[in-house]
Amino acid sequence: MNVTFKNKNLDEICNDFKLSQKMYGKVGAKRLQQRLQELRIVNNLAEMRNFPGRCHELKGNLAMVLSLDLNHPFRLLFKSANDPIPCKEDGGLDWTAVTAVEIIGVEDTHG
């Protein structure tokens, strides 16, 4: 899958282990790298269901944003970068058709 980043700063944080370790700790940085690698090797978002950890769609004001568990309380947040965004007839995201994502943040979505 094609993985891009919302901005240069986020790209640097996610792709520089020392910088991500400083921000999220050693375990968090390792998990971040693992999750990014998993996203890069799958053909579509539906394949993420084969990996450990929870990948799920958020609701409310974060609808159409997806979350991947990192090290508690942090989550990797991303959205489909396909244009147009592939949706099912019921309006939900068609995970099998998502072949590109944009990383939009690493956050505590419950805080």
PDB file of N, CA and C in Angstrom:
ATOM      1  N   MET A   1       0.851  -1.170   0.000  1.00  0.00           N
ATOM      2  CA  MET A   1       0.000   0.000   0.000  1.00  0.00           C
ATOM      3  C   MET A   1       0.898   1.233   0.000  1.00  0.00           C
ATOM      4  N   ASN A   2       0.433   2.265  -0.627  1.00  0.00           N
ATOM      5  CA  ASN A   2       1.157   3.529  -0.638  1.00  0.00           C
ATOM      6  C   ASN A   2       0.862   4.286   0.659  1.00  0.00           C
ATOM      7  N   VAL A   3       1.919   4.706   1.361  1.00  0.00           N
ATOM      8  CA  VAL A   3       1.775   5.420   2.633  1.00  0.00           C
ATOM      9  C   VAL A   3       2.404   6.795   2.494  1.00  0.00           C
ATOM     10  N   THR A   4       1.602   7.834   2.741  1.00  0.00           N
ATOM     11  CA  THR A   4       2.100   9.210   2.738  1.00  0.00           C
ATOM     12  C   THR A   4       1.809   9.830   4.105  1.00  0.00           C
ATOM     13  N   PHE A   5       2.298  11.036   4.300  1.00  0.00           N
ATOM     14  CA  PHE A   5       2.151  11.714   5.585  1.00  0.00           C
ATOM     15  C   PHE A   5       1.513  13.073   5.397  1.00  0.00           C
ATOM     16  N   LYS A   6       0.750  13.491   6.399  1.00  0.00           N
ATOM     17  CA  LYS A   6       0.022  14.763   6.376  1.00  0.00           C
ATOM     18  C   LYS A   6       0.971  15.945   6.160  1.00  0.00           C
ATOM     19  N   ASN A   7       2.158  15.877   6.774  1.00  0.00           N
ATOM     20  CA  ASN A   7       3.130  16.960   6.622  1.00  0.00           C
ATOM     21  C   ASN A   7       4.542  16.433   6.860  1.00  0.00           C
ATOM     22  N   LYS A   8       5.519  17.271   6.545  1.00  0.00           N
ATOM     23  CA  LYS A   8       6.928  16.887   6.646  1.00  0.00           C
ATOM     24  C   LYS A   8       7.327  16.564   8.088  1.00  0.00           C
ATOM     25  N   ASN A   9       6.816  17.317   9.043  1.00  0.00           N
ATOM     26  CA  ASN A   9       7.143  17.085  10.447  1.00  0.00           C
ATOM     27  C   ASN A   9       6.706  15.692  10.891  1.00  0.00           C
ATOM     28  N   LEU A  10       5.491  15.306  10.552  1.00  0.00           N
ATOM     29  CA  LEU A  10       4.977  13.992  10.913  1.00  0.00           C
ATOM     30  C   LEU A  10       5.780  12.895  10.207  1.00  0.00           C
ATOM     31  N   ASP A  11       6.133  13.115   8.958  1.00  0.00           N
ATOM     32  CA  ASP A  11       6.967  12.183   8.204  1.00  0.00           C
ATOM     33  C   ASP A  11       8.293  11.965   8.933  1.00  0.00           C
ATOM     34  N   GLU A  12       8.918  13.034   9.379  1.00  0.00           N
ATOM     35  CA  GLU A  12      10.203  12.935  10.077  1.00  0.00           C
ATOM     36  C   GLU A  12      10.055  12.186  11.404  1.00  0.00           C
ATOM     37  N   ILE A  13       9.026  12.498  12.156  1.00  0.00           N
ATOM     38  CA  ILE A  13       8.800  11.822  13.445  1.00  0.00           C
ATOM     39  C   ILE A  13       8.600  10.325  13.229  1.00  0.00           C
ATOM     40  N   CYS A  14       7.786   9.974  12.250  1.00  0.00           N
ATOM     41  CA  CYS A  14       7.461   8.569  12.018  1.00  0.00           C
ATOM     42  C   CYS A  14       8.619   7.775  11.426  1.00  0.00           C
ATOM     43  N   ASN A  15       9.484   8.416  10.683  1.00  0.00           N
ATOM     44  CA  ASN A  15      10.545   7.698   9.989  1.00  0.00           C
ATOM     45  C   ASN A  15      11.922   7.855  10.603  1.00  0.00           C
ATOM     46  N   ASP A  16      12.023   8.566  11.704  1.00  0.00           N
ATOM     47  CA  ASP A  16      13.295   8.713  12.420  1.00  0.00           C
ATOM     48  C   ASP A  16      13.116   8.026  13.777  1.00  0.00           C
ATOM     49  N   PHE A  17      13.734   6.848  13.926  1.00  0.00           N
ATOM     50  CA  PHE A  17      13.516   6.056  15.138  1.00  0.00           C
ATOM     51  C   PHE A  17      13.898   6.823  16.397  1.00  0.00           C
ATOM     52  N   LYS A  18      15.026   7.524  16.371  1.00  0.00           N
ATOM     53  CA  LYS A  18      15.465   8.254  17.568  1.00  0.00           C
ATOM     54  C   LYS A  18      14.466   9.342  17.948  1.00  0.00           C
ATOM     55  N   LEU A  19      13.939  10.026  16.957  1.00  0.00           N
ATOM     56  CA  LEU A  19      12.960  11.083  17.212  1.00  0.00           C
ATOM     57  C   LEU A  19      11.646  10.492  17.730  1.00  0.00           C
ATOM     58  N   SER A  20      11.179   9.407  17.119  1.00  0.00           N
ATOM     59  CA  SER A  20       9.926   8.803  17.588  1.00  0.00           C
ATOM     60  C   SER A  20      10.120   8.168  18.967  1.00  0.00           C
ATOM     61  N   GLN A  21      11.319   7.656  19.245  1.00  0.00           N
ATOM     62  CA  GLN A  21      11.596   7.091  20.567  1.00  0.00           C
ATOM     63  C   GLN A  21      11.564   8.181  21.628  1.00  0.00           C
ATOM     64  N   LYS A  22      12.076   9.343  21.287  1.00  0.00           N
ATOM     65  CA  LYS A  22      12.060  10.478  22.224  1.00  0.00           C
ATOM     66  C   LYS A  22      10.628  10.885  22.563  1.00  0.00           C
ATOM     67  N   MET A  23       9.737  10.790  21.577  1.00  0.00           N
ATOM     68  CA  MET A  23       8.352  11.225  21.774  1.00  0.00           C
ATOM     69  C   MET A  23       7.455  10.147  22.371  1.00  0.00           C
ATOM     70  N   TYR A  24       7.672   8.871  21.990  1.00  0.00           N
ATOM     71  CA  TYR A  24       6.735   7.814  22.363  1.00  0.00           C
ATOM     72  C   TYR A  24       7.376   6.677  23.155  1.00  0.00           C
ATOM     73  N   GLY A  25       8.660   6.816  23.501  1.00  0.00           N
ATOM     74  CA  GLY A  25       9.356   5.763  24.229  1.00  0.00           C
ATOM     75  C   GLY A  25       9.841   4.670  23.288  1.00  0.00           C
ATOM     76  N   LYS A  26      10.698   3.813  23.801  1.00  0.00           N
ATOM     77  CA  LYS A  26      11.293   2.768  22.972  1.00  0.00           C
ATOM     78  C   LYS A  26      10.241   1.798  22.428  1.00  0.00           C
ATOM     79  N   VAL A  27       9.349   1.343  23.289  1.00  0.00           N
ATOM     80  CA  VAL A  27       8.309   0.397  22.863  1.00  0.00           C
ATOM     81  C   VAL A  27       7.373   1.066  21.855  1.00  0.00           C
ATOM     82  N   GLY A  28       6.983   2.309  22.132  1.00  0.00           N
ATOM     83  CA  GLY A  28       6.096   3.033  21.223  1.00  0.00           C
ATOM     84  C   GLY A  28       6.722   3.251  19.863  1.00  0.00           C
ATOM     85  N   ALA A  29       8.000   3.593  19.828  1.00  0.00           N
ATOM     86  CA  ALA A  29       8.710   3.822  18.565  1.00  0.00           C
ATOM     87  C   ALA A  29       8.818   2.522  17.771  1.00  0.00           C
ATOM     88  N   LYS A  30       9.113   1.426  18.460  1.00  0.00           N
ATOM     89  CA  LYS A  30       9.192   0.129  17.776  1.00  0.00           C
ATOM     90  C   LYS A  30       7.844  -0.256  17.197  1.00  0.00           C
ATOM     91  N   ARG A  31       6.798  -0.069  17.978  1.00  0.00           N
ATOM     92  CA  ARG A  31       5.453  -0.410  17.506  1.00  0.00           C
ATOM     93  C   ARG A  31       5.050   0.483  16.335  1.00  0.00           C
ATOM     94  N   LEU A  32       5.414   1.757  16.383  1.00  0.00           N
ATOM     95  CA  LEU A  32       5.124   2.671  15.275  1.00  0.00           C
ATOM     96  C   LEU A  32       5.793   2.179  13.999  1.00  0.00           C
ATOM     97  N   GLN A  33       7.062   1.820  14.076  1.00  0.00           N
ATOM     98  CA  GLN A  33       7.779   1.316  12.909  1.00  0.00           C
ATOM     99  C   GLN A  33       7.141   0.030  12.386  1.00  0.00           C
ATOM    100  N   GLN A  34       6.733  -0.845  13.302  1.00  0.00           N
ATOM    101  CA  GLN A  34       6.087  -2.100  12.924  1.00  0.00           C
ATOM    102  C   GLN A  34       4.786  -1.830  12.168  1.00  0.00           C
ATOM    103  N   ARG A  35       3.966  -0.942  12.707  1.00  0.00           N
ATOM    104  CA  ARG A  35       2.675  -0.645  12.071  1.00  0.00           C
ATOM    105  C   ARG A  35       2.857   0.003  10.695  1.00  0.00           C
ATOM    106  N   LEU A  36       3.819   0.896  10.572  1.00  0.00           N
ATOM    107  CA  LEU A  36       4.079   1.520   9.263  1.00  0.00           C
ATOM    108  C   LEU A  36       4.533   0.469   8.256  1.00  0.00           C
ATOM    109  N   GLN A  37       5.385  -0.451   8.694  1.00  0.00           N
ATOM    110  CA  GLN A  37       5.847  -1.517   7.805  1.00  0.00           C
ATOM    111  C   GLN A  37       4.684  -2.406   7.375  1.00  0.00           C
ATOM    112  N   GLU A  38       3.794  -2.721   8.305  1.00  0.00           N
ATOM    113  CA  GLU A  38       2.623  -3.533   7.965  1.00  0.00           C
ATOM    114  C   GLU A  38       1.758  -2.827   6.925  1.00  0.00           C
ATOM    115  N   LEU A  39       1.541  -1.534   7.109  1.00  0.00           N
ATOM    116  CA  LEU A  39       0.756  -0.777   6.128  1.00  0.00           C
ATOM    117  C   LEU A  39       1.421  -0.788   4.757  1.00  0.00           C
ATOM    118  N   ARG A  40       2.731  -0.707   4.735  1.00  0.00           N
ATOM    119  CA  ARG A  40       3.456  -0.656   3.456  1.00  0.00           C
ATOM    120  C   ARG A  40       3.425  -1.989   2.709  1.00  0.00           C
ATOM    121  N   ILE A  41       3.347  -3.108   3.433  1.00  0.00           N
ATOM    122  CA  ILE A  41       3.437  -4.401   2.747  1.00  0.00           C
ATOM    123  C   ILE A  41       2.088  -4.962   2.288  1.00  0.00           C
ATOM    124  N   VAL A  42       0.989  -4.466   2.831  1.00  0.00           N
ATOM    125  CA  VAL A  42      -0.314  -4.988   2.408  1.00  0.00           C
ATOM    126  C   VAL A  42      -0.724  -4.385   1.068  1.00  0.00           C
ATOM    127  N   ASN A  43      -1.583  -5.105   0.364  1.00  0.00           N
ATOM    128  CA  ASN A  43      -2.098  -4.603  -0.911  1.00  0.00           C
ATOM    129  C   ASN A  43      -3.289  -3.674  -0.717  1.00  0.00           C
ATOM    130  N   ASN A  44      -4.065  -3.940   0.338  1.00  0.00           N
ATOM    131  CA  ASN A  44      -5.223  -3.102   0.634  1.00  0.00           C
ATOM    132  C   ASN A  44      -5.477  -3.132   2.139  1.00  0.00           C
ATOM    133  N   LEU A  45      -6.307  -2.231   2.591  1.00  0.00           N
ATOM    134  CA  LEU A  45      -6.553  -2.070   4.023  1.00  0.00           C
ATOM    135  C   LEU A  45      -7.169  -3.312   4.663  1.00  0.00           C
ATOM    136  N   ALA A  46      -7.975  -4.057   3.939  1.00  0.00           N
ATOM    137  CA  ALA A  46      -8.611  -5.253   4.495  1.00  0.00           C
ATOM    138  C   ALA A  46      -7.565  -6.249   4.991  1.00  0.00           C
ATOM    139  N   GLU A  47      -6.402  -6.284   4.386  1.00  0.00           N
ATOM    140  CA  GLU A  47      -5.345  -7.201   4.800  1.00  0.00           C
ATOM    141  C   GLU A  47      -4.783  -6.859   6.176  1.00  0.00           C
ATOM    142  N   MET A  48      -5.018  -5.660   6.669  1.00  0.00           N
ATOM    143  CA  MET A  48      -4.546  -5.288   8.006  1.00  0.00           C
ATOM    144  C   MET A  48      -5.251  -6.098   9.083  1.00  0.00           C
ATOM    145  N   ARG A  49      -6.377  -6.673   8.759  1.00  0.00           N
ATOM    146  CA  ARG A  49      -7.104  -7.505   9.732  1.00  0.00           C
ATOM    147  C   ARG A  49      -6.353  -8.801  10.032  1.00  0.00           C
ATOM    148  N   ASN A  50      -5.347  -9.143   9.216  1.00  0.00           N
ATOM    149  CA  ASN A  50      -4.553 -10.356   9.425  1.00  0.00           C
ATOM    150  C   ASN A  50      -3.413 -10.145  10.420  1.00  0.00           C
ATOM    151  N   PHE A  51      -3.169  -8.912  10.815  1.00  0.00           N
ATOM    152  CA  PHE A  51      -2.073  -8.608  11.729  1.00  0.00           C
ATOM    153  C   PHE A  51      -2.601  -8.459  13.156  1.00  0.00           C
ATOM    154  N   PRO A  52      -1.737  -8.744  14.146  1.00  0.00           N
ATOM    155  CA  PRO A  52      -2.158  -8.508  15.536  1.00  0.00           C
ATOM    156  C   PRO A  52      -2.388  -7.012  15.781  1.00  0.00           C
ATOM    157  N   GLY A  53      -3.167  -6.711  16.777  1.00  0.00           N
ATOM    158  CA  GLY A  53      -3.470  -5.308  17.073  1.00  0.00           C
ATOM    159  C   GLY A  53      -4.767  -4.926  16.405  1.00  0.00           C
ATOM    160  N   ARG A  54      -5.325  -3.879  16.867  1.00  0.00           N
ATOM    161  CA  ARG A  54      -6.647  -3.471  16.399  1.00  0.00           C
ATOM    162  C   ARG A  54      -6.542  -2.341  15.396  1.00  0.00           C
ATOM    163  N   CYS A  55      -7.114  -2.557  14.237  1.00  0.00           N
ATOM    164  CA  CYS A  55      -7.236  -1.534  13.205  1.00  0.00           C
ATOM    165  C   CYS A  55      -8.736  -1.312  13.035  1.00  0.00           C
ATOM    166  N   HIS A  56      -9.179  -0.081  13.299  1.00  0.00           N
ATOM    167  CA  HIS A  56     -10.622   0.161  13.235  1.00  0.00           C
ATOM    168  C   HIS A  56     -10.927   1.594  12.828  1.00  0.00           C
ATOM    169  N   GLU A  57     -12.151   1.771  12.354  1.00  0.00           N
ATOM    170  CA  GLU A  57     -12.639   3.090  11.974  1.00  0.00           C
ATOM    171  C   GLU A  57     -13.123   3.814  13.222  1.00  0.00           C
ATOM    172  N   LEU A  58     -12.851   5.109  13.272  1.00  0.00           N
ATOM    173  CA  LEU A  58     -13.334   5.932  14.375  1.00  0.00           C
ATOM    174  C   LEU A  58     -14.707   6.484  14.023  1.00  0.00           C
ATOM    175  N   LYS A  59     -15.365   7.069  14.997  1.00  0.00           N
ATOM    176  CA  LYS A  59     -16.725   7.568  14.801  1.00  0.00           C
ATOM    177  C   LYS A  59     -16.816   9.042  15.158  1.00  0.00           C
ATOM    178  N   GLY A  60     -17.991   9.595  14.980  1.00  0.00           N
ATOM    179  CA  GLY A  60     -18.247  10.986  15.351  1.00  0.00           C
ATOM    180  C   GLY A  60     -17.469  11.947  14.483  1.00  0.00           C
ATOM    181  N   ASN A  61     -16.813  12.921  15.135  1.00  0.00           N
ATOM    182  CA  ASN A  61     -16.081  13.934  14.363  1.00  0.00           C
ATOM    183  C   ASN A  61     -14.819  13.365  13.717  1.00  0.00           C
ATOM    184  N   LEU A  62     -14.483  12.106  14.020  1.00  0.00           N
ATOM    185  CA  LEU A  62     -13.338  11.441  13.389  1.00  0.00           C
ATOM    186  C   LEU A  62     -13.793  10.354  12.406  1.00  0.00           C
ATOM    187  N   ALA A  63     -15.027  10.453  11.922  1.00  0.00           N
ATOM    188  CA  ALA A  63     -15.526   9.491  10.946  1.00  0.00           C
ATOM    189  C   ALA A  63     -14.617   9.481   9.722  1.00  0.00           C
ATOM    190  N   MET A  64     -14.399   8.312   9.158  1.00  0.00           N
ATOM    191  CA  MET A  64     -13.527   8.064   7.995  1.00  0.00           C
ATOM    192  C   MET A  64     -12.039   8.114   8.363  1.00  0.00           C
ATOM    193  N   VAL A  65     -11.733   8.278   9.648  1.00  0.00           N
ATOM    194  CA  VAL A  65     -10.357   8.180  10.138  1.00  0.00           C
ATOM    195  C   VAL A  65     -10.210   6.794  10.747  1.00  0.00           C
ATOM    196  N   LEU A  66      -9.058   6.178  10.521  1.00  0.00           N
ATOM    197  CA  LEU A  66      -8.787   4.851  11.064  1.00  0.00           C
ATOM    198  C   LEU A  66      -7.718   4.944  12.129  1.00  0.00           C
ATOM    199  N   SER A  67      -7.732   3.969  13.024  1.00  0.00           N
ATOM    200  CA  SER A  67      -6.820   3.947  14.152  1.00  0.00           C
ATOM    201  C   SER A  67      -6.151   2.581  14.248  1.00  0.00           C
ATOM    202  N   LEU A  68      -4.850   2.595  14.462  1.00  0.00           N
ATOM    203  CA  LEU A  68      -4.078   1.377  14.712  1.00  0.00           C
ATOM    204  C   LEU A  68      -3.470   1.493  16.093  1.00  0.00           C
ATOM    205  N   ASP A  69      -3.668   0.487  16.926  1.00  0.00           N
ATOM    206  CA  ASP A  69      -3.087   0.498  18.264  1.00  0.00           C
ATOM    207  C   ASP A  69      -1.568   0.517  18.186  1.00  0.00           C
ATOM    208  N   LEU A  70      -0.966   1.362  19.005  1.00  0.00           N
ATOM    209  CA  LEU A  70       0.484   1.380  19.170  1.00  0.00           C
ATOM    210  C   LEU A  70       0.757   0.923  20.593  1.00  0.00           C
ATOM    211  N   ASN A  71       1.421   1.744  21.368  1.00  0.00           N
ATOM    212  CA  ASN A  71       1.682   1.472  22.779  1.00  0.00           C
ATOM    213  C   ASN A  71       0.756   2.385  23.565  1.00  0.00           C
ATOM    214  N   HIS A  72      -0.067   1.802  24.438  1.00  0.00           N
ATOM    215  CA  HIS A  72      -1.077   2.584  25.169  1.00  0.00           C
ATOM    216  C   HIS A  72      -0.463   3.852  25.762  1.00  0.00           C
ATOM    217  N   PRO A  73      -1.057   5.006  25.569  1.00  0.00           N
ATOM    218  CA  PRO A  73      -2.379   5.282  25.016  1.00  0.00           C
ATOM    219  C   PRO A  73      -2.337   5.720  23.552  1.00  0.00           C
ATOM    220  N   PHE A  74      -1.213   5.557  22.880  1.00  0.00           N
ATOM    221  CA  PHE A  74      -1.053   6.119  21.543  1.00  0.00           C
ATOM    222  C   PHE A  74      -1.645   5.247  20.448  1.00  0.00           C
ATOM    223  N   ARG A  75      -2.183   5.925  19.434  1.00  0.00           N
ATOM    224  CA  ARG A  75      -2.754   5.295  18.250  1.00  0.00           C
ATOM    225  C   ARG A  75      -2.192   5.993  17.013  1.00  0.00           C
ATOM    226  N   LEU A  76      -1.961   5.206  15.973  1.00  0.00           N
ATOM    227  CA  LEU A  76      -1.570   5.757  14.679  1.00  0.00           C
ATOM    228  C   LEU A  76      -2.858   6.058  13.927  1.00  0.00           C
ATOM    229  N   LEU A  77      -3.074   7.315  13.577  1.00  0.00           N
ATOM    230  CA  LEU A  77      -4.295   7.734  12.887  1.00  0.00           C
ATOM    231  C   LEU A  77      -3.997   7.967  11.413  1.00  0.00           C
ATOM    232  N   PHE A  78      -4.888   7.476  10.564  1.00  0.00           N
ATOM    233  CA  PHE A  78      -4.699   7.639   9.126  1.00  0.00           C
ATOM    234  C   PHE A  78      -6.046   7.616   8.425  1.00  0.00           C
ATOM    235  N   LYS A  79      -6.029   7.999   7.155  1.00  0.00           N
ATOM    236  CA  LYS A  79      -7.257   7.989   6.358  1.00  0.00           C
ATOM    237  C   LYS A  79      -6.920   7.515   4.951  1.00  0.00           C
ATOM    238  N   SER A  80      -7.935   7.153   4.224  1.00  0.00           N
ATOM    239  CA  SER A  80      -7.734   6.727   2.846  1.00  0.00           C
ATOM    240  C   SER A  80      -7.193   7.897   2.032  1.00  0.00           C
ATOM    241  N   ALA A  81      -6.186   7.609   1.212  1.00  0.00           N
ATOM    242  CA  ALA A  81      -5.646   8.633   0.322  1.00  0.00           C
ATOM    243  C   ALA A  81      -6.098   8.371  -1.116  1.00  0.00           C
ATOM    244  N   ASN A  82      -6.983   7.401  -1.299  1.00  0.00           N
ATOM    245  CA  ASN A  82      -7.539   7.149  -2.625  1.00  0.00           C
ATOM    246  C   ASN A  82      -8.468   8.297  -2.997  1.00  0.00           C
ATOM    247  N   ASP A  83      -8.494   8.618  -4.279  1.00  0.00           N
ATOM    248  CA  ASP A  83      -9.363   9.693  -4.756  1.00  0.00           C
ATOM    249  C   ASP A  83     -10.169   9.171  -5.936  1.00  0.00           C
ATOM    250  N   PRO A  84     -11.460   8.958  -5.751  1.00  0.00           N
ATOM    251  CA  PRO A  84     -12.270   9.247  -4.572  1.00  0.00           C
ATOM    252  C   PRO A  84     -12.081   8.175  -3.490  1.00  0.00           C
ATOM    253  N   ILE A  85     -12.507   8.504  -2.291  1.00  0.00           N
ATOM    254  CA  ILE A  85     -12.442   7.544  -1.189  1.00  0.00           C
ATOM    255  C   ILE A  85     -13.425   6.419  -1.494  1.00  0.00           C
ATOM    256  N   PRO A  86     -12.948   5.168  -1.484  1.00  0.00           N
ATOM    257  CA  PRO A  86     -13.845   4.049  -1.813  1.00  0.00           C
ATOM    258  C   PRO A  86     -14.838   3.756  -0.693  1.00  0.00           C
ATOM    259  N   CYS A  87     -16.102   3.822  -1.037  1.00  0.00           N
ATOM    260  CA  CYS A  87     -17.155   3.570  -0.048  1.00  0.00           C
ATOM    261  C   CYS A  87     -18.064   2.444  -0.524  1.00  0.00           C
ATOM    262  N   LYS A  88     -18.632   1.736   0.442  1.00  0.00           N
ATOM    263  CA  LYS A  88     -19.617   0.702   0.147  1.00  0.00           C
ATOM    264  C   LYS A  88     -20.971   1.381  -0.054  1.00  0.00           C
ATOM    265  N   GLU A  89     -21.942   0.606  -0.490  1.00  0.00           N
ATOM    266  CA  GLU A  89     -23.283   1.153  -0.733  1.00  0.00           C
ATOM    267  C   GLU A  89     -23.895   1.773   0.517  1.00  0.00           C
ATOM    268  N   ASP A  90     -23.555   1.225   1.708  1.00  0.00           N
ATOM    269  CA  ASP A  90     -24.119   1.749   2.955  1.00  0.00           C
ATOM    270  C   ASP A  90     -23.397   3.001   3.449  1.00  0.00           C
ATOM    271  N   GLY A  91     -22.382   3.452   2.695  1.00  0.00           N
ATOM    272  CA  GLY A  91     -21.655   4.661   3.059  1.00  0.00           C
ATOM    273  C   GLY A  91     -20.380   4.406   3.840  1.00  0.00           C
ATOM    274  N   GLY A  92     -20.193   3.169   4.309  1.00  0.00           N
ATOM    275  CA  GLY A  92     -18.978   2.830   5.041  1.00  0.00           C
ATOM    276  C   GLY A  92     -17.771   2.699   4.119  1.00  0.00           C
ATOM    277  N   LEU A  93     -16.614   2.729   4.681  1.00  0.00           N
ATOM    278  CA  LEU A  93     -15.374   2.626   3.923  1.00  0.00           C
ATOM    279  C   LEU A  93     -15.203   1.211   3.388  1.00  0.00           C
ATOM    280  N   ASP A  94     -14.875   1.089   2.104  1.00  0.00           N
ATOM    281  CA  ASP A  94     -14.623  -0.211   1.482  1.00  0.00           C
ATOM    282  C   ASP A  94     -13.147  -0.550   1.672  1.00  0.00           C
ATOM    283  N   TRP A  95     -12.844  -1.291   2.723  1.00  0.00           N
ATOM    284  CA  TRP A  95     -11.462  -1.610   3.088  1.00  0.00           C
ATOM    285  C   TRP A  95     -10.730  -2.342   1.968  1.00  0.00           C
ATOM    286  N   THR A  96     -11.437  -3.142   1.184  1.00  0.00           N
ATOM    287  CA  THR A  96     -10.776  -3.909   0.126  1.00  0.00           C
ATOM    288  C   THR A  96     -10.294  -3.015  -1.010  1.00  0.00           C
ATOM    289  N   ALA A  97     -10.842  -1.818  -1.127  1.00  0.00           N
ATOM    290  CA  ALA A  97     -10.473  -0.906  -2.208  1.00  0.00           C
ATOM    291  C   ALA A  97      -9.511   0.199  -1.764  1.00  0.00           C
ATOM    292  N   VAL A  98      -9.187   0.255  -0.479  1.00  0.00           N
ATOM    293  CA  VAL A  98      -8.236   1.267   0.005  1.00  0.00           C
ATOM    294  C   VAL A  98      -6.827   0.751  -0.247  1.00  0.00           C
ATOM    295  N   THR A  99      -6.126   1.417  -1.164  1.00  0.00           N
ATOM    296  CA  THR A  99      -4.778   1.005  -1.551  1.00  0.00           C
ATOM    297  C   THR A  99      -3.737   2.079  -1.262  1.00  0.00           C
ATOM    298  N   ALA A 100      -4.181   3.178  -0.667  1.00  0.00           N
ATOM    299  CA  ALA A 100      -3.278   4.274  -0.307  1.00  0.00           C
ATOM    300  C   ALA A 100      -3.820   4.941   0.953  1.00  0.00           C
ATOM    301  N   VAL A 101      -2.916   5.262   1.872  1.00  0.00           N
ATOM    302  CA  VAL A 101      -3.331   5.931   3.104  1.00  0.00           C
ATOM    303  C   VAL A 101      -2.431   7.129   3.384  1.00  0.00           C
ATOM    304  N   GLU A 102      -2.995   8.080   4.114  1.00  0.00           N
ATOM    305  CA  GLU A 102      -2.242   9.244   4.580  1.00  0.00           C
ATOM    306  C   GLU A 102      -2.215   9.196   6.102  1.00  0.00           C
ATOM    307  N   ILE A 103      -1.022   9.169   6.671  1.00  0.00           N
ATOM    308  CA  ILE A 103      -0.865   9.201   8.113  1.00  0.00           C
ATOM    309  C   ILE A 103      -1.156  10.629   8.558  1.00  0.00           C
ATOM    310  N   ILE A 104      -2.092  10.779   9.516  1.00  0.00           N
ATOM    311  CA  ILE A 104      -2.465  12.127   9.944  1.00  0.00           C
ATOM    312  C   ILE A 104      -2.066  12.437  11.376  1.00  0.00           C
ATOM    313  N   GLY A 105      -1.593  11.422  12.125  1.00  0.00           N
ATOM    314  CA  GLY A 105      -1.151  11.723  13.478  1.00  0.00           C
ATOM    315  C   GLY A 105      -0.864  10.493  14.307  1.00  0.00           C
ATOM    316  N   VAL A 106      -0.206  10.720  15.433  1.00  0.00           N
ATOM    317  CA  VAL A 106      -0.011   9.725  16.478  1.00  0.00           C
ATOM    318  C   VAL A 106      -0.552  10.388  17.734  1.00  0.00           C
ATOM    319  N   GLU A 107      -1.676   9.870  18.228  1.00  0.00           N
ATOM    320  CA  GLU A 107      -2.382  10.566  19.302  1.00  0.00           C
ATOM    321  C   GLU A 107      -2.999   9.602  20.310  1.00  0.00           C
ATOM    322  N   ASP A 108      -3.378  10.168  21.443  1.00  0.00           N
ATOM    323  CA  ASP A 108      -4.209   9.482  22.420  1.00  0.00           C
ATOM    324  C   ASP A 108      -5.637   9.915  22.093  1.00  0.00           C
ATOM    325  N   THR A 109      -6.403   9.039  21.444  1.00  0.00           N
ATOM    326  CA  THR A 109      -7.761   9.401  21.023  1.00  0.00           C
ATOM    327  C   THR A 109      -8.764   9.363  22.158  1.00  0.00           C
ATOM    328  N   HIS A 110      -8.339   8.890  23.332  1.00  0.00           N
ATOM    329  CA  HIS A 110      -9.247   8.827  24.465  1.00  0.00           C
ATOM    330  C   HIS A 110      -8.985   9.908  25.512  1.00  0.00           C
ATOM    331  N   GLY A 111      -7.976  10.745  25.242  1.00  0.00           N
ATOM    332  CA  GLY A 111      -7.582  11.750  26.234  1.00  0.00           C
ATOM    333  C   GLY A 111      -8.265  13.061  26.109  1.00  0.00           C
TER     334      GLY A 111
END
